[in-house]
Structure formats: C-alpha cells, structure tokens
PDB file of all heavy atoms in Angstrom:
ATOM      1  N   ALA A   1     -12.840 -12.906   0.213  1.00  0.00           N
ATOM      2  CA  ALA A   1     -13.065 -11.775   1.126  1.00  0.00           C
ATOM      3  C   ALA A   1     -11.745 -11.143   1.563  1.00  0.00           C
ATOM      4  O   ALA A   1     -11.366 -11.197   2.733  1.00  0.00           O
ATOM      5  CB  ALA A   1     -13.878 -12.223   2.338  1.00  0.00           C
ATOM      6  N   PRO A   2     -11.015 -10.530   0.651  1.00  0.00           N
ATOM      7  CA  PRO A   2      -9.696  -9.971   0.986  1.00  0.00           C
ATOM      8  C   PRO A   2      -9.791  -8.899   2.062  1.00  0.00           C
ATOM      9  O   PRO A   2     -10.726  -8.105   2.081  1.00  0.00           O
ATOM     10  CB  PRO A   2      -9.212  -9.380  -0.339  1.00  0.00           C
ATOM     11  CG  PRO A   2     -10.452  -9.146  -1.136  1.00  0.00           C
ATOM     12  CD  PRO A   2     -11.391 -10.231  -0.737  1.00  0.00           C
ATOM     13  N   THR A   3      -8.820  -8.872   2.949  1.00  0.00           N
ATOM     14  CA  THR A   3      -8.841  -7.907   4.045  1.00  0.00           C
ATOM     15  C   THR A   3      -8.297  -6.553   3.628  1.00  0.00           C
ATOM     16  O   THR A   3      -8.448  -5.571   4.355  1.00  0.00           O
ATOM     17  CB  THR A   3      -8.025  -8.429   5.239  1.00  0.00           C
ATOM     18  OG1 THR A   3      -6.685  -8.716   4.788  1.00  0.00           O
ATOM     19  CG2 THR A   3      -8.657  -9.691   5.795  1.00  0.00           C
ATOM     20  N   ALA A   4      -7.639  -6.486   2.467  1.00  0.00           N
ATOM     21  CA  ALA A   4      -7.142  -5.214   1.936  1.00  0.00           C
ATOM     22  C   ALA A   4      -7.200  -5.282   0.419  1.00  0.00           C
ATOM     23  O   ALA A   4      -7.012  -6.347  -0.173  1.00  0.00           O
ATOM     24  CB  ALA A   4      -5.714  -4.942   2.397  1.00  0.00           C
ATOM     25  N   LEU A   5      -7.469  -4.135  -0.207  1.00  0.00           N
ATOM     26  CA  LEU A   5      -7.509  -4.052  -1.669  1.00  0.00           C
ATOM     27  C   LEU A   5      -6.743  -2.814  -2.132  1.00  0.00           C
ATOM     28  O   LEU A   5      -7.050  -1.701  -1.702  1.00  0.00           O
ATOM     29  CB  LEU A   5      -8.950  -3.954  -2.180  1.00  0.00           C
ATOM     30  CG  LEU A   5      -9.788  -5.226  -2.249  1.00  0.00           C
ATOM     31  CD1 LEU A   5     -11.182  -4.894  -2.780  1.00  0.00           C
ATOM     32  CD2 LEU A   5      -9.144  -6.270  -3.141  1.00  0.00           C
ATOM     33  N   ARG A   6      -5.769  -3.031  -3.011  1.00  0.00           N
ATOM     34  CA  ARG A   6      -4.992  -1.924  -3.582  1.00  0.00           C
ATOM     35  C   ARG A   6      -5.562  -1.559  -4.947  1.00  0.00           C
ATOM     36  O   ARG A   6      -5.925  -2.439  -5.728  1.00  0.00           O
ATOM     37  CB  ARG A   6      -3.529  -2.342  -3.707  1.00  0.00           C
ATOM     38  CG  ARG A   6      -2.623  -1.274  -4.319  1.00  0.00           C
ATOM     39  CD  ARG A   6      -1.176  -1.753  -4.256  1.00  0.00           C
ATOM     40  NE  ARG A   6      -0.271  -0.787  -4.870  1.00  0.00           N
ATOM     41  CZ  ARG A   6       0.467  -1.036  -5.951  1.00  0.00           C
ATOM     42  NH1 ARG A   6       0.385  -2.224  -6.549  1.00  0.00           N
ATOM     43  NH2 ARG A   6       1.270  -0.113  -6.440  1.00  0.00           N
ATOM     44  N   TYR A   7      -5.599  -0.267  -5.227  1.00  0.00           N
ATOM     45  CA  TYR A   7      -6.209   0.234  -6.463  1.00  0.00           C
ATOM     46  C   TYR A   7      -5.414   1.436  -6.944  1.00  0.00           C
ATOM     47  O   TYR A   7      -4.915   2.204  -6.122  1.00  0.00           O
ATOM     48  CB  TYR A   7      -7.661   0.644  -6.162  1.00  0.00           C
ATOM     49  CG  TYR A   7      -8.441   1.179  -7.330  1.00  0.00           C
ATOM     50  CD1 TYR A   7      -9.094   0.311  -8.202  1.00  0.00           C
ATOM     51  CD2 TYR A   7      -8.531   2.552  -7.561  1.00  0.00           C
ATOM     52  CE1 TYR A   7      -9.813   0.797  -9.275  1.00  0.00           C
ATOM     53  CE2 TYR A   7      -9.251   3.040  -8.637  1.00  0.00           C
ATOM     54  CZ  TYR A   7      -9.888   2.161  -9.492  1.00  0.00           C
ATOM     55  OH  TYR A   7     -10.605   2.650 -10.560  1.00  0.00           O
ATOM     56  N   PRO A   8      -5.233   1.639  -8.249  1.00  0.00           N
ATOM     57  CA  PRO A   8      -5.820   0.881  -9.374  1.00  0.00           C
ATOM     58  C   PRO A   8      -4.881  -0.181  -9.940  1.00  0.00           C
ATOM     59  O   PRO A   8      -4.985  -0.544 -11.114  1.00  0.00           O
ATOM     60  CB  PRO A   8      -6.048   1.985 -10.403  1.00  0.00           C
ATOM     61  CG  PRO A   8      -4.908   2.921 -10.193  1.00  0.00           C
ATOM     62  CD  PRO A   8      -4.636   2.904  -8.705  1.00  0.00           C
ATOM     63  N   GLY A   9      -3.961  -0.671  -9.143  1.00  0.00           N
ATOM     64  CA  GLY A   9      -3.009  -1.664  -9.609  1.00  0.00           C
ATOM     65  C   GLY A   9      -1.601  -1.107  -9.543  1.00  0.00           C
ATOM     66  O   GLY A   9      -1.345  -0.077  -8.913  1.00  0.00           O
ATOM     67  N   GLY A  10      -0.681  -1.774 -10.238  1.00  0.00           N
ATOM     68  CA  GLY A  10       0.703  -1.349 -10.209  1.00  0.00           C
ATOM     69  C   GLY A  10       1.014  -0.332 -11.284  1.00  0.00           C
ATOM     70  O   GLY A  10       0.709   0.852 -11.153  1.00  0.00           O
ATOM     71  N   THR A  11       1.604  -0.806 -12.392  1.00  0.00           N
ATOM     72  CA  THR A  11       2.005   0.109 -13.457  1.00  0.00           C
ATOM     73  C   THR A  11       0.821   0.904 -13.994  1.00  0.00           C
ATOM     74  O   THR A  11       0.977   2.052 -14.423  1.00  0.00           O
ATOM     75  CB  THR A  11       2.696  -0.671 -14.587  1.00  0.00           C
ATOM     76  OG1 THR A  11       3.788  -1.403 -14.036  1.00  0.00           O
ATOM     77  CG2 THR A  11       3.226   0.259 -15.650  1.00  0.00           C
ATOM     78  N   ASN A  12      -0.367   0.325 -14.003  1.00  0.00           N
ATOM     79  CA  ASN A  12      -1.540   1.069 -14.470  1.00  0.00           C
ATOM     80  C   ASN A  12      -1.732   2.376 -13.708  1.00  0.00           C
ATOM     81  O   ASN A  12      -2.277   3.343 -14.246  1.00  0.00           O
ATOM     82  CB  ASN A  12      -2.810   0.223 -14.342  1.00  0.00           C
ATOM     83  CG  ASN A  12      -3.071  -0.603 -15.594  1.00  0.00           C
ATOM     84  OD1 ASN A  12      -2.490  -0.359 -16.642  1.00  0.00           O
ATOM     85  ND2 ASN A  12      -3.954  -1.576 -15.476  1.00  0.00           N
ATOM     86  N   SER A  13      -1.300   2.415 -12.464  1.00  0.00           N
ATOM     87  CA  SER A  13      -1.495   3.635 -11.678  1.00  0.00           C
ATOM     88  C   SER A  13      -0.670   4.794 -12.233  1.00  0.00           C
ATOM     89  O   SER A  13      -0.992   5.964 -11.985  1.00  0.00           O
ATOM     90  CB  SER A  13      -1.142   3.397 -10.210  1.00  0.00           C
ATOM     91  OG  SER A  13       0.233   3.127 -10.059  1.00  0.00           O
ATOM     92  N   ASP A  14       0.390   4.496 -13.002  1.00  0.00           N
ATOM     93  CA  ASP A  14       1.206   5.555 -13.589  1.00  0.00           C
ATOM     94  C   ASP A  14       0.480   6.310 -14.695  1.00  0.00           C
ATOM     95  O   ASP A  14       0.952   7.372 -15.131  1.00  0.00           O
ATOM     96  CB  ASP A  14       2.498   4.974 -14.167  1.00  0.00           C
ATOM     97  CG  ASP A  14       3.486   4.547 -13.092  1.00  0.00           C
ATOM     98  OD1 ASP A  14       3.318   4.975 -11.939  1.00  0.00           O
ATOM     99  OD2 ASP A  14       4.420   3.788 -13.412  1.00  0.00           O
ATOM    100  N   PHE A  15      -0.638   5.778 -15.163  1.00  0.00           N
ATOM    101  CA  PHE A  15      -1.393   6.407 -16.248  1.00  0.00           C
ATOM    102  C   PHE A  15      -2.866   6.572 -15.892  1.00  0.00           C
ATOM    103  O   PHE A  15      -3.675   6.947 -16.744  1.00  0.00           O
ATOM    104  CB  PHE A  15      -1.265   5.574 -17.530  1.00  0.00           C
ATOM    105  CG  PHE A  15       0.157   5.192 -17.825  1.00  0.00           C
ATOM    106  CD1 PHE A  15       0.636   3.937 -17.512  1.00  0.00           C
ATOM    107  CD2 PHE A  15       1.036   6.107 -18.380  1.00  0.00           C
ATOM    108  CE1 PHE A  15       1.955   3.595 -17.759  1.00  0.00           C
ATOM    109  CE2 PHE A  15       2.356   5.777 -18.637  1.00  0.00           C
ATOM    110  CZ  PHE A  15       2.819   4.517 -18.321  1.00  0.00           C
ATOM    111  N   HIS A  16      -3.199   6.286 -14.640  1.00  0.00           N
ATOM    112  CA  HIS A  16      -4.597   6.294 -14.221  1.00  0.00           C
ATOM    113  C   HIS A  16      -5.034   7.716 -13.871  1.00  0.00           C
ATOM    114  O   HIS A  16      -4.485   8.342 -12.961  1.00  0.00           O
ATOM    115  CB  HIS A  16      -4.785   5.379 -13.008  1.00  0.00           C
ATOM    116  CG  HIS A  16      -6.209   5.241 -12.571  1.00  0.00           C
ATOM    117  ND1 HIS A  16      -7.040   4.267 -13.069  1.00  0.00           N
ATOM    118  CD2 HIS A  16      -6.954   5.956 -11.701  1.00  0.00           C
ATOM    119  CE1 HIS A  16      -8.231   4.381 -12.509  1.00  0.00           C
ATOM    120  NE2 HIS A  16      -8.207   5.400 -11.676  1.00  0.00           N
ATOM    121  N   HIS A  17      -6.009   8.211 -14.600  1.00  0.00           N
ATOM    122  CA  HIS A  17      -6.612   9.504 -14.295  1.00  0.00           C
ATOM    123  C   HIS A  17      -8.010   9.220 -13.740  1.00  0.00           C
ATOM    124  O   HIS A  17      -8.909   8.826 -14.479  1.00  0.00           O
ATOM    125  CB  HIS A  17      -6.650  10.385 -15.538  1.00  0.00           C
ATOM    126  CG  HIS A  17      -5.279  10.703 -16.062  1.00  0.00           C
ATOM    127  ND1 HIS A  17      -4.448  11.631 -15.460  1.00  0.00           N
ATOM    128  CD2 HIS A  17      -4.564  10.166 -17.094  1.00  0.00           C
ATOM    129  CE1 HIS A  17      -3.296  11.685 -16.108  1.00  0.00           C
ATOM    130  NE2 HIS A  17      -3.335  10.803 -17.095  1.00  0.00           N
ATOM    131  N   TRP A  18      -8.142   9.399 -12.432  1.00  0.00           N
ATOM    132  CA  TRP A  18      -9.304   8.876 -11.715  1.00  0.00           C
ATOM    133  C   TRP A  18     -10.620   9.447 -12.225  1.00  0.00           C
ATOM    134  O   TRP A  18     -11.653   8.756 -12.183  1.00  0.00           O
ATOM    135  CB  TRP A  18      -9.147   9.111 -10.216  1.00  0.00           C
ATOM    136  CG  TRP A  18      -9.210  10.544  -9.781  1.00  0.00           C
ATOM    137  CD1 TRP A  18      -8.164  11.417  -9.651  1.00  0.00           C
ATOM    138  CD2 TRP A  18     -10.381  11.279  -9.417  1.00  0.00           C
ATOM    139  NE1 TRP A  18      -8.608  12.642  -9.228  1.00  0.00           N
ATOM    140  CE2 TRP A  18      -9.964  12.589  -9.072  1.00  0.00           C
ATOM    141  CE3 TRP A  18     -11.737  10.955  -9.326  1.00  0.00           C
ATOM    142  CZ2 TRP A  18     -10.854  13.576  -8.667  1.00  0.00           C
ATOM    143  CZ3 TRP A  18     -12.628  11.936  -8.925  1.00  0.00           C
ATOM    144  CH2 TRP A  18     -12.197  13.230  -8.605  1.00  0.00           C
ATOM    145  N   ARG A  19     -10.608  10.682 -12.707  1.00  0.00           N
ATOM    146  CA  ARG A  19     -11.858  11.277 -13.201  1.00  0.00           C
ATOM    147  C   ARG A  19     -12.411  10.523 -14.410  1.00  0.00           C
ATOM    148  O   ARG A  19     -13.613  10.588 -14.686  1.00  0.00           O
ATOM    149  CB  ARG A  19     -11.633  12.745 -13.556  1.00  0.00           C
ATOM    150  CG  ARG A  19     -11.378  13.647 -12.358  1.00  0.00           C
ATOM    151  CD  ARG A  19     -11.248  15.090 -12.801  1.00  0.00           C
ATOM    152  NE  ARG A  19     -10.970  16.000 -11.693  1.00  0.00           N
ATOM    153  CZ  ARG A  19      -9.750  16.279 -11.252  1.00  0.00           C
ATOM    154  NH1 ARG A  19      -8.700  15.691 -11.820  1.00  0.00           N
ATOM    155  NH2 ARG A  19      -9.572  17.122 -10.254  1.00  0.00           N
ATOM    156  N   ASN A  20     -11.522   9.830 -15.148  1.00  0.00           N
ATOM    157  CA  ASN A  20     -11.979   9.033 -16.289  1.00  0.00           C
ATOM    158  C   ASN A  20     -12.766   7.803 -15.851  1.00  0.00           C
ATOM    159  O   ASN A  20     -13.380   7.137 -16.694  1.00  0.00           O
ATOM    160  CB  ASN A  20     -10.783   8.578 -17.136  1.00  0.00           C
ATOM    161  CG  ASN A  20     -10.096   9.724 -17.842  1.00  0.00           C
ATOM    162  OD1 ASN A  20     -10.593  10.844 -17.856  1.00  0.00           O
ATOM    163  ND2 ASN A  20      -8.940   9.461 -18.437  1.00  0.00           N
ATOM    164  N   GLY A  21     -12.743   7.485 -14.570  1.00  0.00           N
ATOM    165  CA  GLY A  21     -13.393   6.267 -14.091  1.00  0.00           C
ATOM    166  C   GLY A  21     -14.539   6.519 -13.127  1.00  0.00           C
ATOM    167  O   GLY A  21     -14.856   5.649 -12.313  1.00  0.00           O
ATOM    168  N   VAL A  22     -15.153   7.687 -13.179  1.00  0.00           N
ATOM    169  CA  VAL A  22     -16.318   7.962 -12.335  1.00  0.00           C
ATOM    170  C   VAL A  22     -17.471   8.434 -13.206  1.00  0.00           C
ATOM    171  O   VAL A  22     -17.263   8.894 -14.335  1.00  0.00           O
ATOM    172  CB  VAL A  22     -16.007   9.019 -11.241  1.00  0.00           C
ATOM    173  CG1 VAL A  22     -14.924   8.507 -10.293  1.00  0.00           C
ATOM    174  CG2 VAL A  22     -15.592  10.333 -11.858  1.00  0.00           C
ATOM    175  N   GLY A  23     -18.679   8.308 -12.660  1.00  0.00           N
ATOM    176  CA  GLY A  23     -19.867   8.698 -13.409  1.00  0.00           C
ATOM    177  C   GLY A  23     -20.399   7.552 -14.255  1.00  0.00           C
ATOM    178  O   GLY A  23     -19.865   6.431 -14.235  1.00  0.00           O
ATOM    179  N   PRO A  24     -21.472   7.802 -15.027  1.00  0.00           N
ATOM    180  CA  PRO A  24     -22.046   6.763 -15.889  1.00  0.00           C
ATOM    181  C   PRO A  24     -21.011   6.202 -16.850  1.00  0.00           C
ATOM    182  O   PRO A  24     -20.199   6.948 -17.419  1.00  0.00           O
ATOM    183  CB  PRO A  24     -23.154   7.513 -16.642  1.00  0.00           C
ATOM    184  CG  PRO A  24     -23.485   8.682 -15.766  1.00  0.00           C
ATOM    185  CD  PRO A  24     -22.208   9.073 -15.101  1.00  0.00           C
ATOM    186  N   TYR A  25     -21.046   4.904 -17.059  1.00  0.00           N
ATOM    187  CA  TYR A  25     -20.030   4.250 -17.876  1.00  0.00           C
ATOM    188  C   TYR A  25     -19.978   4.842 -19.282  1.00  0.00           C
ATOM    189  O   TYR A  25     -18.887   5.054 -19.839  1.00  0.00           O
ATOM    190  CB  TYR A  25     -20.304   2.740 -17.957  1.00  0.00           C
ATOM    191  CG  TYR A  25     -19.259   1.990 -18.748  1.00  0.00           C
ATOM    192  CD1 TYR A  25     -18.079   1.561 -18.153  1.00  0.00           C
ATOM    193  CD2 TYR A  25     -19.457   1.713 -20.105  1.00  0.00           C
ATOM    194  CE1 TYR A  25     -17.111   0.888 -18.878  1.00  0.00           C
ATOM    195  CE2 TYR A  25     -18.489   1.036 -20.837  1.00  0.00           C
ATOM    196  CZ  TYR A  25     -17.320   0.632 -20.217  1.00  0.00           C
ATOM    197  OH  TYR A  25     -16.367  -0.034 -20.949  1.00  0.00           O
ATOM    198  N   ALA A  26     -21.132   5.130 -19.849  1.00  0.00           N
ATOM    199  CA  ALA A  26     -21.180   5.634 -21.227  1.00  0.00           C
ATOM    200  C   ALA A  26     -20.491   6.988 -21.374  1.00  0.00           C
ATOM    201  O   ALA A  26     -20.116   7.374 -22.488  1.00  0.00           O
ATOM    202  CB  ALA A  26     -22.628   5.730 -21.694  1.00  0.00           C
ATOM    203  N   GLN A  27     -20.315   7.701 -20.269  1.00  0.00           N
ATOM    204  CA  GLN A  27     -19.706   9.030 -20.331  1.00  0.00           C
ATOM    205  C   GLN A  27     -18.229   9.025 -19.930  1.00  0.00           C
ATOM    206  O   GLN A  27     -17.585  10.080 -19.925  1.00  0.00           O
ATOM    207  CB  GLN A  27     -20.484   9.988 -19.430  1.00  0.00           C
ATOM    208  CG  GLN A  27     -21.932  10.198 -19.855  1.00  0.00           C
ATOM    209  CD  GLN A  27     -22.701  11.083 -18.889  1.00  0.00           C
ATOM    210  OE1 GLN A  27     -22.124  11.767 -18.050  1.00  0.00           O
ATOM    211  NE2 GLN A  27     -24.018  11.052 -18.990  1.00  0.00           N
TER     212      GLN A  27
END
C-alpha cells in the first residue's frame, strides 16, 4: 500500500507519449 506512486518511471518517461497508453488496449 505505497503512500506515493511515481509514473511512468524514470528513463521511460523520456519517451513516454501518454496518448499511446489510454483507451482500449487493442487500440
């Protein structure tokens, strides 16, 4: 039960395009 959560991680955040991770998984 962590009291804080960081997202989307460290180095991964340098390439994370959030729109690619929303909506139905298949899309």
